[in-house]
Amino acid sequence: GLHVDLSISGCSDSDGEMMYSLDGEEKWFADFINHRGVDPQPSFMNHFRYVEGAYEQAVANQQICRSNLKNSRVGMKDIPLEN
C-alpha cells in the first residue's frame, strides 16, 4: 500500500524543530536541548537508524533557517501591512 512520509523543519529566534515520521508515527527527531538525535520507536521493533551525522545536519539546517528568517525580516521591513 501507500505510505505517508513526512519531514518537518522550522525555526524561530528561540526554538527549532526537525522531525521525520512515517504513517503518522515519529521515526526520529532532533532534541536541541539535550544535543542529540532521538529514535522514539519502542524497543520491541526493528529500528530504522538514520545515518551518522543526522543531528549535526539538523543543527546546520537550524542555523540556515535562522539566517533566512533574519534576511526575511530585513527584506520585509519597509513593506506596509496593507495596500
PDB file of N, CA and C in Angstrom:
ATOM      1  N   GLY A   1       0.805  -1.187   0.000  1.00  0.00           N
ATOM      2  CA  GLY A   1       0.000   0.000   0.000  1.00  0.00           C
ATOM      3  C   GLY A   1       0.843   1.242   0.000  1.00  0.00           C
ATOM      4  N   LEU A   2       0.169   2.348   0.013  1.00  0.00           N
ATOM      5  CA  LEU A   2       0.829   3.649   0.043  1.00  0.00           C
ATOM      6  C   LEU A   2       1.184   4.039   1.469  1.00  0.00           C
ATOM      7  N   HIS A   3       2.282   4.763   1.607  1.00  0.00           N
ATOM      8  CA  HIS A   3       2.726   5.264   2.903  1.00  0.00           C
ATOM      9  C   HIS A   3       2.829   6.779   2.841  1.00  0.00           C
ATOM     10  N   VAL A   4       2.721   7.415   3.990  1.00  0.00           N
ATOM     11  CA  VAL A   4       2.869   8.865   4.093  1.00  0.00           C
ATOM     12  C   VAL A   4       4.155   9.142   4.855  1.00  0.00           C
ATOM     13  N   ASP A   5       5.120   9.728   4.167  1.00  0.00           N
ATOM     14  CA  ASP A   5       6.410  10.085   4.735  1.00  0.00           C
ATOM     15  C   ASP A   5       6.422  11.596   4.931  1.00  0.00           C
ATOM     16  N   LEU A   6       6.780  12.057   6.133  1.00  0.00           N
ATOM     17  CA  LEU A   6       6.716  13.483   6.445  1.00  0.00           C
ATOM     18  C   LEU A   6       8.003  13.932   7.093  1.00  0.00           C
ATOM     19  N   SER A   7       8.480  15.100   6.705  1.00  0.00           N
ATOM     20  CA  SER A   7       9.639  15.740   7.311  1.00  0.00           C
ATOM     21  C   SER A   7       9.238  17.159   7.684  1.00  0.00           C
ATOM     22  N   ILE A   8       9.522  17.544   8.920  1.00  0.00           N
ATOM     23  CA  ILE A   8       9.206  18.896   9.383  1.00  0.00           C
ATOM     24  C   ILE A   8      10.493  19.556   9.845  1.00  0.00           C
ATOM     25  N   SER A   9      10.737  20.752   9.349  1.00  0.00           N
ATOM     26  CA  SER A   9      11.893  21.539   9.774  1.00  0.00           C
ATOM     27  C   SER A   9      11.446  22.984   9.879  1.00  0.00           C
ATOM     28  N   GLY A  10      11.746  23.617  10.996  1.00  0.00           N
ATOM     29  CA  GLY A  10      11.366  25.009  11.174  1.00  0.00           C
ATOM     30  C   GLY A  10      12.145  25.631  12.310  1.00  0.00           C
ATOM     31  N   CYS A  11      12.058  26.949  12.413  1.00  0.00           N
ATOM     32  CA  CYS A  11      12.793  27.644  13.458  1.00  0.00           C
ATOM     33  C   CYS A  11      12.104  28.950  13.822  1.00  0.00           C
ATOM     34  N   SER A  12      12.503  29.465  14.973  1.00  0.00           N
ATOM     35  CA  SER A  12      12.175  30.815  15.411  1.00  0.00           C
ATOM     36  C   SER A  12      13.454  31.375  16.019  1.00  0.00           C
ATOM     37  N   ASP A  13      13.382  32.554  16.607  1.00  0.00           N
ATOM     38  CA  ASP A  13      14.571  33.116  17.239  1.00  0.00           C
ATOM     39  C   ASP A  13      15.048  32.273  18.412  1.00  0.00           C
ATOM     40  N   SER A  14      14.130  31.583  19.074  1.00  0.00           N
ATOM     41  CA  SER A  14      14.491  30.879  20.305  1.00  0.00           C
ATOM     42  C   SER A  14      14.255  29.374  20.276  1.00  0.00           C
ATOM     43  N   ASP A  15      13.713  28.832  19.197  1.00  0.00           N
ATOM     44  CA  ASP A  15      13.362  27.421  19.178  1.00  0.00           C
ATOM     45  C   ASP A  15      13.542  26.864  17.772  1.00  0.00           C
ATOM     46  N   GLY A  16      13.540  25.542  17.671  1.00  0.00           N
ATOM     47  CA  GLY A  16      13.655  24.906  16.376  1.00  0.00           C
ATOM     48  C   GLY A  16      13.070  23.509  16.414  1.00  0.00           C
ATOM     49  N   GLU A  17      12.802  22.968  15.229  1.00  0.00           N
ATOM     50  CA  GLU A  17      12.215  21.634  15.123  1.00  0.00           C
ATOM     51  C   GLU A  17      12.769  20.945  13.882  1.00  0.00           C
ATOM     52  N   MET A  18      13.098  19.668  14.040  1.00  0.00           N
ATOM     53  CA  MET A  18      13.455  18.799  12.919  1.00  0.00           C
ATOM     54  C   MET A  18      12.928  17.424  13.268  1.00  0.00           C
ATOM     55  N   MET A  19      12.035  16.881  12.422  1.00  0.00           N
ATOM     56  CA  MET A  19      11.381  15.623  12.742  1.00  0.00           C
ATOM     57  C   MET A  19      11.066  14.878  11.452  1.00  0.00           C
ATOM     58  N   TYR A  20      11.179  13.540  11.517  1.00  0.00           N
ATOM     59  CA  TYR A  20      10.788  12.661  10.424  1.00  0.00           C
ATOM     60  C   TYR A  20       9.740  11.688  10.944  1.00  0.00           C
ATOM     61  N   SER A  21       8.709  11.441  10.137  1.00  0.00           N
ATOM     62  CA  SER A  21       7.692  10.467  10.527  1.00  0.00           C
ATOM     63  C   SER A  21       7.296   9.622   9.318  1.00  0.00           C
ATOM     64  N   LEU A  22       6.678   8.474   9.612  1.00  0.00           N
ATOM     65  CA  LEU A  22       6.168   7.590   8.573  1.00  0.00           C
ATOM     66  C   LEU A  22       4.804   7.099   9.025  1.00  0.00           C
ATOM     67  N   ASP A  23       3.807   7.329   8.202  1.00  0.00           N
ATOM     68  CA  ASP A  23       2.431   6.919   8.503  1.00  0.00           C
ATOM     69  C   ASP A  23       1.953   7.426   9.862  1.00  0.00           C
ATOM     70  N   GLY A  24       2.311   8.654  10.189  1.00  0.00           N
ATOM     71  CA  GLY A  24       1.856   9.281  11.432  1.00  0.00           C
ATOM     72  C   GLY A  24       2.650   8.902  12.666  1.00  0.00           C
ATOM     73  N   GLU A  25       3.665   8.058  12.521  1.00  0.00           N
ATOM     74  CA  GLU A  25       4.491   7.650  13.654  1.00  0.00           C
ATOM     75  C   GLU A  25       5.849   8.344  13.561  1.00  0.00           C
ATOM     76  N   GLU A  26       6.255   8.975  14.633  1.00  0.00           N
ATOM     77  CA  GLU A  26       7.531   9.666  14.664  1.00  0.00           C
ATOM     78  C   GLU A  26       8.681   8.659  14.580  1.00  0.00           C
ATOM     79  N   LYS A  27       9.587   8.863  13.598  1.00  0.00           N
ATOM     80  CA  LYS A  27      10.727   7.965  13.424  1.00  0.00           C
ATOM     81  C   LYS A  27      11.991   8.526  14.067  1.00  0.00           C
ATOM     82  N   TRP A  28      12.165   9.846  13.990  1.00  0.00           N
ATOM     83  CA  TRP A  28      13.375  10.477  14.504  1.00  0.00           C
ATOM     84  C   TRP A  28      13.093  11.958  14.701  1.00  0.00           C
ATOM     85  N   PHE A  29      13.685  12.547  15.736  1.00  0.00           N
ATOM     86  CA  PHE A  29      13.634  13.998  15.877  1.00  0.00           C
ATOM     87  C   PHE A  29      14.908  14.488  16.535  1.00  0.00           C
ATOM     88  N   ALA A  30      15.221  15.743  16.295  1.00  0.00           N
ATOM     89  CA  ALA A  30      16.399  16.371  16.883  1.00  0.00           C
ATOM     90  C   ALA A  30      15.997  16.986  18.217  1.00  0.00           C
ATOM     91  N   ASP A  31      16.682  16.583  19.275  1.00  0.00           N
ATOM     92  CA  ASP A  31      16.482  17.151  20.607  1.00  0.00           C
ATOM     93  C   ASP A  31      17.561  18.212  20.794  1.00  0.00           C
ATOM     94  N   PHE A  32      17.226  19.466  20.468  1.00  0.00           N
ATOM     95  CA  PHE A  32      18.203  20.545  20.512  1.00  0.00           C
ATOM     96  C   PHE A  32      18.567  20.929  21.946  1.00  0.00           C
ATOM     97  N   ILE A  33      17.747  20.608  22.913  1.00  0.00           N
ATOM     98  CA  ILE A  33      18.051  20.906  24.315  1.00  0.00           C
ATOM     99  C   ILE A  33      19.150  19.971  24.833  1.00  0.00           C
ATOM    100  N   ASN A  34      19.016  18.671  24.547  1.00  0.00           N
ATOM    101  CA  ASN A  34      19.991  17.679  25.018  1.00  0.00           C
ATOM    102  C   ASN A  34      21.066  17.351  23.984  1.00  0.00           C
ATOM    103  N   HIS A  35      21.045  18.046  22.851  1.00  0.00           N
ATOM    104  CA  HIS A  35      22.080  17.940  21.815  1.00  0.00           C
ATOM    105  C   HIS A  35      22.251  16.512  21.288  1.00  0.00           C
ATOM    106  N   ARG A  36      21.142  15.921  20.816  1.00  0.00           N
ATOM    107  CA  ARG A  36      21.216  14.558  20.280  1.00  0.00           C
ATOM    108  C   ARG A  36      20.007  14.279  19.396  1.00  0.00           C
ATOM    109  N   GLY A  37      20.137  13.277  18.560  1.00  0.00           N
ATOM    110  CA  GLY A  37      19.013  12.778  17.791  1.00  0.00           C
ATOM    111  C   GLY A  37      18.294  11.714  18.604  1.00  0.00           C
ATOM    112  N   VAL A  38      16.965  11.676  18.511  1.00  0.00           N
ATOM    113  CA  VAL A  38      16.171  10.734  19.303  1.00  0.00           C
ATOM    114  C   VAL A  38      15.396   9.807  18.374  1.00  0.00           C
ATOM    115  N   ASP A  39      15.502   8.521  18.667  1.00  0.00           N
ATOM    116  CA  ASP A  39      14.773   7.478  17.960  1.00  0.00           C
ATOM    117  C   ASP A  39      13.678   6.987  18.917  1.00  0.00           C
ATOM    118  N   PRO A  40      12.440   7.499  18.814  1.00  0.00           N
ATOM    119  CA  PRO A  40      11.418   7.197  19.816  1.00  0.00           C
ATOM    120  C   PRO A  40      10.679   5.870  19.617  1.00  0.00           C
ATOM    121  N   GLN A  41      11.169   5.021  18.742  1.00  0.00           N
ATOM    122  CA  GLN A  41      10.483   3.760  18.472  1.00  0.00           C
ATOM    123  C   GLN A  41      10.627   2.813  19.666  1.00  0.00           C
ATOM    124  N   PRO A  42       9.621   1.993  19.918  1.00  0.00           N
ATOM    125  CA  PRO A  42       9.697   1.055  21.055  1.00  0.00           C
ATOM    126  C   PRO A  42      10.785   0.001  20.846  1.00  0.00           C
ATOM    127  N   SER A  43      11.280  -0.550  21.948  1.00  0.00           N
ATOM    128  CA  SER A  43      12.406  -1.476  21.897  1.00  0.00           C
ATOM    129  C   SER A  43      12.069  -2.822  21.250  1.00  0.00           C
ATOM    130  N   PHE A  44      10.782  -3.184  21.167  1.00  0.00           N
ATOM    131  CA  PHE A  44      10.422  -4.499  20.634  1.00  0.00           C
ATOM    132  C   PHE A  44      10.384  -4.562  19.114  1.00  0.00           C
ATOM    133  N   MET A  45      10.633  -3.464  18.444  1.00  0.00           N
ATOM    134  CA  MET A  45      10.583  -3.486  16.979  1.00  0.00           C
ATOM    135  C   MET A  45      11.967  -3.257  16.381  1.00  0.00           C
ATOM    136  N   ASN A  46      12.124  -3.628  15.122  1.00  0.00           N
ATOM    137  CA  ASN A  46      13.370  -3.355  14.411  1.00  0.00           C
ATOM    138  C   ASN A  46      13.464  -1.865  14.156  1.00  0.00           C
ATOM    139  N   HIS A  47      14.533  -1.276  14.594  1.00  0.00           N
ATOM    140  CA  HIS A  47      14.693   0.176  14.471  1.00  0.00           C
ATOM    141  C   HIS A  47      15.320   0.534  13.132  1.00  0.00           C
ATOM    142  N   PHE A  48      14.777   1.573  12.553  1.00  0.00           N
ATOM    143  CA  PHE A  48      15.386   2.189  11.381  1.00  0.00           C
ATOM    144  C   PHE A  48      16.361   3.231  11.917  1.00  0.00           C
ATOM    145  N   ARG A  49      17.604   3.145  11.559  1.00  0.00           N
ATOM    146  CA  ARG A  49      18.624   4.088  12.045  1.00  0.00           C
ATOM    147  C   ARG A  49      18.954   5.099  10.965  1.00  0.00           C
ATOM    148  N   TYR A  50      19.008   6.362  11.364  1.00  0.00           N
ATOM    149  CA  TYR A  50      19.460   7.406  10.451  1.00  0.00           C
ATOM    150  C   TYR A  50      20.984   7.394  10.407  1.00  0.00           C
ATOM    151  N   VAL A  51      21.535   7.870   9.314  1.00  0.00           N
ATOM    152  CA  VAL A  51      22.980   7.856   9.128  1.00  0.00           C
ATOM    153  C   VAL A  51      23.670   8.716  10.182  1.00  0.00           C
ATOM    154  N   GLU A  52      24.916   8.394  10.428  1.00  0.00           N
ATOM    155  CA  GLU A  52      25.738   9.183  11.338  1.00  0.00           C
ATOM    156  C   GLU A  52      25.779  10.624  10.841  1.00  0.00           C
ATOM    157  N   GLY A  53      25.611  11.568  11.728  1.00  0.00           N
ATOM    158  CA  GLY A  53      25.647  12.983  11.364  1.00  0.00           C
ATOM    159  C   GLY A  53      24.285  13.605  11.145  1.00  0.00           C
ATOM    160  N   ALA A  54      23.206  12.855  11.341  1.00  0.00           N
ATOM    161  CA  ALA A  54      21.860  13.405  11.120  1.00  0.00           C
ATOM    162  C   ALA A  54      21.589  14.560  12.083  1.00  0.00           C
ATOM    163  N   TYR A  55      22.003  14.416  13.341  1.00  0.00           N
ATOM    164  CA  TYR A  55      21.780  15.503  14.304  1.00  0.00           C
ATOM    165  C   TYR A  55      22.599  16.732  13.917  1.00  0.00           C
ATOM    166  N   GLU A  56      23.844  16.532  13.547  1.00  0.00           N
ATOM    167  CA  GLU A  56      24.701  17.651  13.156  1.00  0.00           C
ATOM    168  C   GLU A  56      24.132  18.385  11.935  1.00  0.00           C
ATOM    169  N   GLN A  57      23.541  17.634  11.009  1.00  0.00           N
ATOM    170  CA  GLN A  57      22.904  18.251   9.844  1.00  0.00           C
ATOM    171  C   GLN A  57      21.680  19.054  10.269  1.00  0.00           C
ATOM    172  N   ALA A  58      20.926  18.545  11.244  1.00  0.00           N
ATOM    173  CA  ALA A  58      19.760  19.278  11.751  1.00  0.00           C
ATOM    174  C   ALA A  58      20.193  20.596  12.395  1.00  0.00           C
ATOM    175  N   VAL A  59      21.313  20.587  13.119  1.00  0.00           N
ATOM    176  CA  VAL A  59      21.843  21.809  13.724  1.00  0.00           C
ATOM    177  C   VAL A  59      22.239  22.811  12.640  1.00  0.00           C
ATOM    178  N   ALA A  60      22.920  22.339  11.602  1.00  0.00           N
ATOM    179  CA  ALA A  60      23.311  23.215  10.493  1.00  0.00           C
ATOM    180  C   ALA A  60      22.082  23.793   9.796  1.00  0.00           C
ATOM    181  N   ASN A  61      21.039  22.971   9.614  1.00  0.00           N
ATOM    182  CA  ASN A  61      19.807  23.447   8.980  1.00  0.00           C
ATOM    183  C   ASN A  61      19.133  24.520   9.829  1.00  0.00           C
ATOM    184  N   GLN A  62      19.226  24.405  11.161  1.00  0.00           N
ATOM    185  CA  GLN A  62      18.654  25.419  12.037  1.00  0.00           C
ATOM    186  C   GLN A  62      19.383  26.754  11.877  1.00  0.00           C
ATOM    187  N   GLN A  63      20.697  26.712  11.733  1.00  0.00           N
ATOM    188  CA  GLN A  63      21.466  27.935  11.529  1.00  0.00           C
ATOM    189  C   GLN A  63      21.082  28.600  10.210  1.00  0.00           C
ATOM    190  N   ILE A  64      20.904  27.805   9.179  1.00  0.00           N
ATOM    191  CA  ILE A  64      20.474  28.335   7.873  1.00  0.00           C
ATOM    192  C   ILE A  64      19.071  28.928   7.995  1.00  0.00           C
ATOM    193  N   CYS A  65      18.177  28.228   8.699  1.00  0.00           N
ATOM    194  CA  CYS A  65      16.803  28.697   8.870  1.00  0.00           C
ATOM    195  C   CYS A  65      16.784  30.051   9.587  1.00  0.00           C
ATOM    196  N   ARG A  66      17.574  30.189  10.644  1.00  0.00           N
ATOM    197  CA  ARG A  66      17.607  31.454  11.392  1.00  0.00           C
ATOM    198  C   ARG A  66      18.198  32.584  10.550  1.00  0.00           C
ATOM    199  N   SER A  67      19.192  32.263   9.729  1.00  0.00           N
ATOM    200  CA  SER A  67      19.763  33.263   8.829  1.00  0.00           C
ATOM    201  C   SER A  67      18.720  33.709   7.805  1.00  0.00           C
ATOM    202  N   ASN A  68      17.975  32.760   7.240  1.00  0.00           N
ATOM    203  CA  ASN A  68      16.908  33.098   6.289  1.00  0.00           C
ATOM    204  C   ASN A  68      15.806  33.906   6.959  1.00  0.00           C
ATOM    205  N   LEU A  69      15.478  33.576   8.209  1.00  0.00           N
ATOM    206  CA  LEU A  69      14.471  34.322   8.960  1.00  0.00           C
ATOM    207  C   LEU A  69      14.917  35.764   9.150  1.00  0.00           C
ATOM    208  N   LYS A  70      16.173  35.951   9.523  1.00  0.00           N
ATOM    209  CA  LYS A  70      16.720  37.301   9.703  1.00  0.00           C
ATOM    210  C   LYS A  70      16.682  38.087   8.388  1.00  0.00           C
ATOM    211  N   ASN A  71      17.106  37.435   7.289  1.00  0.00           N
ATOM    212  CA  ASN A  71      17.093  38.103   5.987  1.00  0.00           C
ATOM    213  C   ASN A  71      15.676  38.474   5.559  1.00  0.00           C
ATOM    214  N   SER A  72      14.712  37.622   5.845  1.00  0.00           N
ATOM    215  CA  SER A  72      13.318  37.916   5.504  1.00  0.00           C
ATOM    216  C   SER A  72      12.810  39.117   6.281  1.00  0.00           C
ATOM    217  N   ARG A  73      13.161  39.201   7.549  1.00  0.00           N
ATOM    218  CA  ARG A  73      12.735  40.349   8.361  1.00  0.00           C
ATOM    219  C   ARG A  73      13.331  41.648   7.830  1.00  0.00           C
ATOM    220  N   VAL A  74      14.605  41.601   7.461  1.00  0.00           N
ATOM    221  CA  VAL A  74      15.253  42.795   6.917  1.00  0.00           C
ATOM    222  C   VAL A  74      14.598  43.174   5.592  1.00  0.00           C
ATOM    223  N   GLY A  75      14.356  42.199   4.739  1.00  0.00           N
ATOM    224  CA  GLY A  75      13.763  42.461   3.432  1.00  0.00           C
ATOM    225  C   GLY A  75      12.328  42.955   3.501  1.00  0.00           C
ATOM    226  N   MET A  76      11.593  42.543   4.536  1.00  0.00           N
ATOM    227  CA  MET A  76      10.181  42.924   4.674  1.00  0.00           C
ATOM    228  C   MET A  76       9.990  44.176   5.531  1.00  0.00           C
ATOM    229  N   LYS A  77      11.058  44.770   5.993  1.00  0.00           N
ATOM    230  CA  LYS A  77      10.998  45.874   6.952  1.00  0.00           C
ATOM    231  C   LYS A  77      10.112  47.032   6.498  1.00  0.00           C
ATOM    232  N   ASP A  78      10.255  47.441   5.275  1.00  0.00           N
ATOM    233  CA  ASP A  78       9.539  48.637   4.811  1.00  0.00           C
ATOM    234  C   ASP A  78       8.287  48.318   4.005  1.00  0.00           C
ATOM    235  N   ILE A  79       7.867  47.058   3.970  1.00  0.00           N
ATOM    236  CA  ILE A  79       6.659  46.695   3.242  1.00  0.00           C
ATOM    237  C   ILE A  79       5.448  46.949   4.151  1.00  0.00           C
ATOM    238  N   PRO A  80       4.477  47.747   3.706  1.00  0.00           N
ATOM    239  CA  PRO A  80       3.315  48.032   4.558  1.00  0.00           C
ATOM    240  C   PRO A  80       2.458  46.772   4.798  1.00  0.00           C
ATOM    241  N   LEU A  81       1.783  46.718   5.940  1.00  0.00           N
ATOM    242  CA  LEU A  81       0.933  45.594   6.272  1.00  0.00           C
ATOM    243  C   LEU A  81      -0.259  45.504   5.341  1.00  0.00           C
ATOM    244  N   GLU A  82      -0.763  46.642   4.872  1.00  0.00           N
ATOM    245  CA  GLU A  82      -1.916  46.664   3.951  1.00  0.00           C
ATOM    246  C   GLU A  82      -1.593  47.566   2.777  1.00  0.00           C
ATOM    247  N   ASN A  83      -2.192  47.253   1.619  1.00  0.00           N
ATOM    248  CA  ASN A  83      -2.033  48.113   0.444  1.00  0.00           C
ATOM    249  C   ASN A  83      -2.973  49.284   0.540  1.00  0.00           C
TER     250      ASN A  83
END
